[in-house]
Amino acid sequence: MMDWDGIRYFLEVARTQRVSGAAKRLGVQHTTVARRIHLLE
């Protein structure tokens, strides 16, 4: 099953070019973004 939240986080990192930038836009900690992307692997 696809993790759509993980994909959303990944796309935000691609848009901002930074995990911290994506985290700020998503309103979460940068570690949350990194963890969600890691789970996609």
PDB file of N, CA and C in Angstrom:
ATOM      1  N   MET A   1       0.844  -1.185   0.000  1.00  0.00           N
ATOM      2  CA  MET A   1       0.000   0.000   0.000  1.00  0.00           C
ATOM      3  C   MET A   1       0.890   1.250   0.000  1.00  0.00           C
ATOM      4  N   MET A   2       0.476   2.253  -0.743  1.00  0.00           N
ATOM      5  CA  MET A   2       1.245   3.491  -0.845  1.00  0.00           C
ATOM      6  C   MET A   2       1.092   4.345   0.405  1.00  0.00           C
ATOM      7  N   ASP A   3       2.194   4.956   0.799  1.00  0.00           N
ATOM      8  CA  ASP A   3       2.196   5.893   1.916  1.00  0.00           C
ATOM      9  C   ASP A   3       2.084   7.302   1.322  1.00  0.00           C
ATOM     10  N   TRP A   4       0.858   7.767   1.165  1.00  0.00           N
ATOM     11  CA  TRP A   4       0.632   9.056   0.504  1.00  0.00           C
ATOM     12  C   TRP A   4       1.198  10.220   1.303  1.00  0.00           C
ATOM     13  N   ASP A   5       1.184  10.131   2.632  1.00  0.00           N
ATOM     14  CA  ASP A   5       1.791  11.199   3.429  1.00  0.00           C
ATOM     15  C   ASP A   5       3.296  11.257   3.181  1.00  0.00           C
ATOM     16  N   GLY A   6       3.929  10.100   3.091  1.00  0.00           N
ATOM     17  CA  GLY A   6       5.360  10.064   2.804  1.00  0.00           C
ATOM     18  C   GLY A   6       5.676  10.691   1.464  1.00  0.00           C
ATOM     19  N   ILE A   7       4.842  10.423   0.489  1.00  0.00           N
ATOM     20  CA  ILE A   7       5.035  11.010  -0.841  1.00  0.00           C
ATOM     21  C   ILE A   7       4.848  12.521  -0.784  1.00  0.00           C
ATOM     22  N   ARG A   8       3.875  12.964  -0.021  1.00  0.00           N
ATOM     23  CA  ARG A   8       3.653  14.410   0.141  1.00  0.00           C
ATOM     24  C   ARG A   8       4.889  15.067   0.766  1.00  0.00           C
ATOM     25  N   TYR A   9       5.468  14.418   1.764  1.00  0.00           N
ATOM     26  CA  TYR A   9       6.674  14.947   2.401  1.00  0.00           C
ATOM     27  C   TYR A   9       7.825  14.970   1.397  1.00  0.00           C
ATOM     28  N   PHE A  10       7.977  13.886   0.633  1.00  0.00           N
ATOM     29  CA  PHE A  10       9.037  13.809  -0.370  1.00  0.00           C
ATOM     30  C   PHE A  10       8.898  14.931  -1.399  1.00  0.00           C
ATOM     31  N   LEU A  11       7.694  15.150  -1.878  1.00  0.00           N
ATOM     32  CA  LEU A  11       7.474  16.200  -2.872  1.00  0.00           C
ATOM     33  C   LEU A  11       7.785  17.580  -2.313  1.00  0.00           C
ATOM     34  N   GLU A  12       7.481  17.796  -1.053  1.00  0.00           N
ATOM     35  CA  GLU A  12       7.772  19.096  -0.443  1.00  0.00           C
ATOM     36  C   GLU A  12       9.276  19.305  -0.324  1.00  0.00           C
ATOM     37  N   VAL A  13      10.020  18.246  -0.012  1.00  0.00           N
ATOM     38  CA  VAL A  13      11.485  18.355   0.014  1.00  0.00           C
ATOM     39  C   VAL A  13      11.998  18.670  -1.390  1.00  0.00           C
ATOM     40  N   ALA A  14      11.435  18.036  -2.394  1.00  0.00           N
ATOM     41  CA  ALA A  14      11.843  18.316  -3.772  1.00  0.00           C
ATOM     42  C   ALA A  14      11.554  19.772  -4.136  1.00  0.00           C
ATOM     43  N   ARG A  15      10.439  20.292  -3.693  1.00  0.00           N
ATOM     44  CA  ARG A  15      10.082  21.692  -3.998  1.00  0.00           C
ATOM     45  C   ARG A  15      11.011  22.679  -3.305  1.00  0.00           C
ATOM     46  N   THR A  16      11.294  22.426  -2.031  1.00  0.00           N
ATOM     47  CA  THR A  16      12.080  23.377  -1.247  1.00  0.00           C
ATOM     48  C   THR A  16      13.579  23.111  -1.311  1.00  0.00           C
ATOM     49  N   GLN A  17      13.970  21.913  -1.768  1.00  0.00           N
ATOM     50  CA  GLN A  17      15.375  21.504  -1.849  1.00  0.00           C
ATOM     51  C   GLN A  17      16.036  21.350  -0.484  1.00  0.00           C
ATOM     52  N   ARG A  18      15.238  21.324   0.588  1.00  0.00           N
ATOM     53  CA  ARG A  18      15.783  21.178   1.943  1.00  0.00           C
ATOM     54  C   ARG A  18      14.767  20.470   2.824  1.00  0.00           C
ATOM     55  N   VAL A  19      15.264  19.572   3.666  1.00  0.00           N
ATOM     56  CA  VAL A  19      14.384  18.896   4.623  1.00  0.00           C
ATOM     57  C   VAL A  19      13.815  19.916   5.603  1.00  0.00           C
ATOM     58  N   SER A  20      14.655  20.840   6.054  1.00  0.00           N
ATOM     59  CA  SER A  20      14.183  21.834   7.020  1.00  0.00           C
ATOM     60  C   SER A  20      13.153  22.772   6.398  1.00  0.00           C
ATOM     61  N   GLY A  21      13.326  23.104   5.128  1.00  0.00           N
ATOM     62  CA  GLY A  21      12.343  23.944   4.439  1.00  0.00           C
ATOM     63  C   GLY A  21      11.013  23.239   4.290  1.00  0.00           C
ATOM     64  N   ALA A  22      11.069  21.959   3.964  1.00  0.00           N
ATOM     65  CA  ALA A  22       9.840  21.173   3.845  1.00  0.00           C
ATOM     66  C   ALA A  22       9.143  21.071   5.194  1.00  0.00           C
ATOM     67  N   ALA A  23       9.926  20.838   6.236  1.00  0.00           N
ATOM     68  CA  ALA A  23       9.349  20.720   7.576  1.00  0.00           C
ATOM     69  C   ALA A  23       8.638  22.007   7.978  1.00  0.00           C
ATOM     70  N   LYS A  24       9.251  23.124   7.687  1.00  0.00           N
ATOM     71  CA  LYS A  24       8.647  24.416   8.029  1.00  0.00           C
ATOM     72  C   LYS A  24       7.325  24.602   7.291  1.00  0.00           C
ATOM     73  N   ARG A  25       7.309  24.294   5.990  1.00  0.00           N
ATOM     74  CA  ARG A  25       6.081  24.446   5.202  1.00  0.00           C
ATOM     75  C   ARG A  25       4.992  23.473   5.631  1.00  0.00           C
ATOM     76  N   LEU A  26       5.402  22.274   6.083  1.00  0.00           N
ATOM     77  CA  LEU A  26       4.432  21.260   6.496  1.00  0.00           C
ATOM     78  C   LEU A  26       4.017  21.404   7.960  1.00  0.00           C
ATOM     79  N   GLY A  27       4.752  22.226   8.711  1.00  0.00           N
ATOM     80  CA  GLY A  27       4.417  22.442  10.114  1.00  0.00           C
ATOM     81  C   GLY A  27       4.792  21.280  11.016  1.00  0.00           C
ATOM     82  N   VAL A  28       5.913  20.608  10.674  1.00  0.00           N
ATOM     83  CA  VAL A  28       6.388  19.481  11.480  1.00  0.00           C
ATOM     84  C   VAL A  28       7.883  19.648  11.730  1.00  0.00           C
ATOM     85  N   GLN A  29       8.434  18.789  12.584  1.00  0.00           N
ATOM     86  CA  GLN A  29       9.871  18.793  12.850  1.00  0.00           C
ATOM     87  C   GLN A  29      10.623  18.211  11.652  1.00  0.00           C
ATOM     88  N   HIS A  30      11.865  18.645  11.458  1.00  0.00           N
ATOM     89  CA  HIS A  30      12.653  18.118  10.333  1.00  0.00           C
ATOM     90  C   HIS A  30      12.908  16.621  10.476  1.00  0.00           C
ATOM     91  N   THR A  31      12.981  16.137  11.717  1.00  0.00           N
ATOM     92  CA  THR A  31      13.186  14.699  11.920  1.00  0.00           C
ATOM     93  C   THR A  31      11.986  13.895  11.434  1.00  0.00           C
ATOM     94  N   THR A  32      10.798  14.462  11.540  1.00  0.00           N
ATOM     95  CA  THR A  32       9.597  13.787  11.046  1.00  0.00           C
ATOM     96  C   THR A  32       9.665  13.634   9.536  1.00  0.00           C
ATOM     97  N   VAL A  33      10.078  14.683   8.857  1.00  0.00           N
ATOM     98  CA  VAL A  33      10.198  14.626   7.396  1.00  0.00           C
ATOM     99  C   VAL A  33      11.233  13.573   7.003  1.00  0.00           C
ATOM    100  N   ALA A  34      12.383  13.594   7.643  1.00  0.00           N
ATOM    101  CA  ALA A  34      13.441  12.635   7.320  1.00  0.00           C
ATOM    102  C   ALA A  34      12.976  11.201   7.568  1.00  0.00           C
ATOM    103  N   ARG A  35      12.282  10.981   8.665  1.00  0.00           N
ATOM    104  CA  ARG A  35      11.799   9.637   8.996  1.00  0.00           C
ATOM    105  C   ARG A  35      10.776   9.150   7.977  1.00  0.00           C
ATOM    106  N   ARG A  36       9.852  10.021   7.578  1.00  0.00           N
ATOM    107  CA  ARG A  36       8.823   9.626   6.609  1.00  0.00           C
ATOM    108  C   ARG A  36       9.432   9.291   5.258  1.00  0.00           C
ATOM    109  N   ILE A  37      10.448  10.044   4.851  1.00  0.00           N
ATOM    110  CA  ILE A  37      11.112   9.756   3.585  1.00  0.00           C
ATOM    111  C   ILE A  37      11.888   8.443   3.685  1.00  0.00           C
ATOM    112  N   HIS A  38      12.532   8.226   4.812  1.00  0.00           N
ATOM    113  CA  HIS A  38      13.263   6.973   5.009  1.00  0.00           C
ATOM    114  C   HIS A  38      12.321   5.772   4.912  1.00  0.00           C
ATOM    115  N   LEU A  39      11.115   5.900   5.415  1.00  0.00           N
ATOM    116  CA  LEU A  39      10.143   4.804   5.365  1.00  0.00           C
ATOM    117  C   LEU A  39       9.702   4.490   3.941  1.00  0.00           C
ATOM    118  N   LEU A  40       9.863   5.435   3.024  1.00  0.00           N
ATOM    119  CA  LEU A  40       9.516   5.191   1.624  1.00  0.00           C
ATOM    120  C   LEU A  40      10.522   4.261   0.947  1.00  0.00           C
ATOM    121  N   GLU A  41      11.736   4.223   1.460  1.00  0.00           N
ATOM    122  CA  GLU A  41      12.796   3.419   0.822  1.00  0.00           C
ATOM    123  C   GLU A  41      12.535   1.937   0.948  1.00  0.00           C
TER     124      GLU A  41
END
